[in-house]
Every structure is written in structure tokens, then in C-alpha cells.
Amino acid sequence: MATPERLIVASFATLGLRRDNATPEEVKAAYKTRATQHHPDKGGDPETFQLLQKAYEVALKEANLLRYASGLPPATYPCQQGMKYYGR
């Protein structure tokens, strides 16, 4: 099922990014900044934090799709590289 366009645009706006040029790394950095501010353990609102998590999921997926469409491989993070990352 495709993600509605309005949800994609709102997700990037929630993270303070523009959809047309945001990289997966920028999405992750923006999420980490806002998650620190809005986390319930740090006094943030649980509903706001859940919306932020959903925005992150949608924006990261879209940023990876846009990256792939431009001919670049999807972003990988150390946890996705498995044993090779740890030098085994």
C-alpha cells in the first residue's frame, strides 16, 4: 500500500526537512534531535513522541526510495552491516 502524499509531506515537515533534498542521514539526525526533546522520559508528551516516531518511519522510507531512484544504494547503518562491521 502506497503512503499518501500528504502524509509524506507532513512527515518531512514534522522533522523540519524538505522532501526533495533530504538524505536518510539527515532524516535520522533530525529525528534524534527531536526525539531527545519530545521523549516522555525527558518530560515530553507521549502522543507527540508517537507522531514523531511515525514521521521518522515514513520520512526515512521515502528518503531511501528517493535515494534509490537517483541510482544510489539505500543508506546502511552499522547495525545493518552485520558481522562484517565488527571485523569478523
C-alpha atoms as a PDB file:
ATOM      1  CA  MET A   1       0.000   0.000   0.000  1.00  0.00           C
ATOM      2  CA  ALA A   2       1.415   3.359  -1.024  1.00  0.00           C
ATOM      3  CA  THR A   3       1.837   6.107   1.526  1.00  0.00           C
ATOM      4  CA  PRO A   4      -0.440   9.090   0.811  1.00  0.00           C
ATOM      5  CA  GLU A   5       1.389  12.147  -0.475  1.00  0.00           C
ATOM      6  CA  ARG A   6       0.048  14.391   2.300  1.00  0.00           C
ATOM      7  CA  LEU A   7       1.410  12.027   4.968  1.00  0.00           C
ATOM      8  CA  ILE A   8       4.850  12.039   3.342  1.00  0.00           C
ATOM      9  CA  VAL A   9       4.965  15.841   3.154  1.00  0.00           C
ATOM     10  CA  ALA A  10       3.717  16.172   6.747  1.00  0.00           C
ATOM     11  CA  SER A  11       6.322  13.676   7.946  1.00  0.00           C
ATOM     12  CA  PHE A  12       9.191  15.666   6.477  1.00  0.00           C
ATOM     13  CA  ALA A  13       7.700  18.896   7.861  1.00  0.00           C
ATOM     14  CA  THR A  14       7.443  17.337  11.325  1.00  0.00           C
ATOM     15  CA  LEU A  15      11.163  16.627  11.171  1.00  0.00           C
ATOM     16  CA  GLY A  16      11.911  20.123   9.833  1.00  0.00           C
ATOM     17  CA  LEU A  17      13.191  18.839   6.494  1.00  0.00           C
ATOM     18  CA  ARG A  18      12.367  19.334   2.835  1.00  0.00           C
ATOM     19  CA  ARG A  19      11.369  16.207   0.994  1.00  0.00           C
ATOM     20  CA  ASP A  20      13.138  16.987  -2.263  1.00  0.00           C
ATOM     21  CA  ASN A  21      16.661  17.009  -0.865  1.00  0.00           C
ATOM     22  CA  ALA A  22      16.673  15.181   2.487  1.00  0.00           C
ATOM     23  CA  THR A  23      19.052  12.251   2.756  1.00  0.00           C
ATOM     24  CA  PRO A  24      18.442   9.263   5.027  1.00  0.00           C
ATOM     25  CA  GLU A  25      21.290  10.507   7.223  1.00  0.00           C
ATOM     26  CA  GLU A  26      19.623  13.916   7.594  1.00  0.00           C
ATOM     27  CA  VAL A  27      16.302  12.259   8.455  1.00  0.00           C
ATOM     28  CA  LYS A  28      17.999  10.213  11.160  1.00  0.00           C
ATOM     29  CA  ALA A  29      19.798  13.254  12.608  1.00  0.00           C
ATOM     30  CA  ALA A  30      16.612  15.353  12.645  1.00  0.00           C
ATOM     31  CA  TYR A  31      14.727  12.529  14.359  1.00  0.00           C
ATOM     32  CA  LYS A  32      17.399  12.119  17.028  1.00  0.00           C
ATOM     33  CA  THR A  33      17.327  15.851  17.794  1.00  0.00           C
ATOM     34  CA  ARG A  34      13.550  15.970  18.111  1.00  0.00           C
ATOM     35  CA  ALA A  35      13.288  12.637  19.911  1.00  0.00           C
ATOM     36  CA  THR A  36      15.575  13.968  22.618  1.00  0.00           C
ATOM     37  CA  GLN A  37      13.318  16.997  23.031  1.00  0.00           C
ATOM     38  CA  HIS A  38       9.980  15.148  23.000  1.00  0.00           C
ATOM     39  CA  HIS A  39      10.774  11.833  24.690  1.00  0.00           C
ATOM     40  CA  PRO A  40       8.310  11.057  27.534  1.00  0.00           C
ATOM     41  CA  ASP A  41      11.200  10.183  29.866  1.00  0.00           C
ATOM     42  CA  LYS A  42      12.504  13.726  29.364  1.00  0.00           C
ATOM     43  CA  GLY A  43       9.141  15.359  30.108  1.00  0.00           C
ATOM     44  CA  GLY A  44       7.716  15.227  26.585  1.00  0.00           C
ATOM     45  CA  ASP A  45       4.188  14.306  25.573  1.00  0.00           C
ATOM     46  CA  PRO A  46       3.771  10.579  24.707  1.00  0.00           C
ATOM     47  CA  GLU A  47       1.346  11.337  21.845  1.00  0.00           C
ATOM     48  CA  THR A  48       3.732  13.858  20.300  1.00  0.00           C
ATOM     49  CA  PHE A  49       6.546  11.351  20.559  1.00  0.00           C
ATOM     50  CA  GLN A  50       4.470   8.654  18.835  1.00  0.00           C
ATOM     51  CA  LEU A  51       3.672  11.054  15.995  1.00  0.00           C
ATOM     52  CA  LEU A  52       7.373  11.845  15.727  1.00  0.00           C
ATOM     53  CA  GLN A  53       8.206   8.136  15.504  1.00  0.00           C
ATOM     54  CA  LYS A  54       5.666   7.628  12.706  1.00  0.00           C
ATOM     55  CA  ALA A  55       7.007  10.682  10.865  1.00  0.00           C
ATOM     56  CA  TYR A  56      10.518   9.246  11.122  1.00  0.00           C
ATOM     57  CA  GLU A  57       9.452   5.879   9.694  1.00  0.00           C
ATOM     58  CA  VAL A  58       7.646   7.460   6.745  1.00  0.00           C
ATOM     59  CA  ALA A  59      10.365  10.044   6.011  1.00  0.00           C
ATOM     60  CA  LEU A  60      13.193   7.519   6.226  1.00  0.00           C
ATOM     61  CA  LYS A  61      11.413   5.136   3.870  1.00  0.00           C
ATOM     62  CA  GLU A  62      10.738   7.941   1.387  1.00  0.00           C
ATOM     63  CA  ALA A  63      14.307   9.295   1.611  1.00  0.00           C
ATOM     64  CA  ASN A  64      15.661   5.823   0.889  1.00  0.00           C
ATOM     65  CA  LEU A  65      13.260   5.428  -2.058  1.00  0.00           C
ATOM     66  CA  LEU A  66      14.336   8.789  -3.484  1.00  0.00           C
ATOM     67  CA  ARG A  67      17.975   7.864  -2.989  1.00  0.00           C
ATOM     68  CA  TYR A  68      17.436   4.542  -4.761  1.00  0.00           C
ATOM     69  CA  ALA A  69      15.561   6.233  -7.617  1.00  0.00           C
ATOM     70  CA  SER A  70      18.536   8.529  -8.158  1.00  0.00           C
ATOM     71  CA  GLY A  71      20.786   5.498  -8.650  1.00  0.00           C
ATOM     72  CA  LEU A  72      22.423   5.441  -5.225  1.00  0.00           C
ATOM     73  CA  PRO A  73      22.155   2.445  -2.898  1.00  0.00           C
ATOM     74  CA  PRO A  74      19.951   2.763   0.202  1.00  0.00           C
ATOM     75  CA  ALA A  75      21.719   4.048   3.285  1.00  0.00           C
ATOM     76  CA  THR A  76      23.129   1.424   5.581  1.00  0.00           C
ATOM     77  CA  TYR A  77      23.891   1.789   9.227  1.00  0.00           C
ATOM     78  CA  PRO A  78      26.376  -0.261  11.276  1.00  0.00           C
ATOM     79  CA  CYS A  79      23.632  -2.470  12.711  1.00  0.00           C
ATOM     80  CA  GLN A  80      22.554  -3.404   9.167  1.00  0.00           C
ATOM     81  CA  GLN A  81      26.027  -4.450   8.099  1.00  0.00           C
ATOM     82  CA  GLY A  82      26.120  -7.434  10.445  1.00  0.00           C
ATOM     83  CA  MET A  83      29.258  -9.299  11.305  1.00  0.00           C
ATOM     84  CA  LYS A  84      31.363  -7.521   8.689  1.00  0.00           C
ATOM     85  CA  TYR A  85      31.048  -4.278  10.637  1.00  0.00           C
ATOM     86  CA  TYR A  86      32.646  -5.881  13.694  1.00  0.00           C
ATOM     87  CA  GLY A  87      35.630  -7.122  11.742  1.00  0.00           C
ATOM     88  CA  ARG A  88      34.700 -10.788  11.628  1.00  0.00           C
END
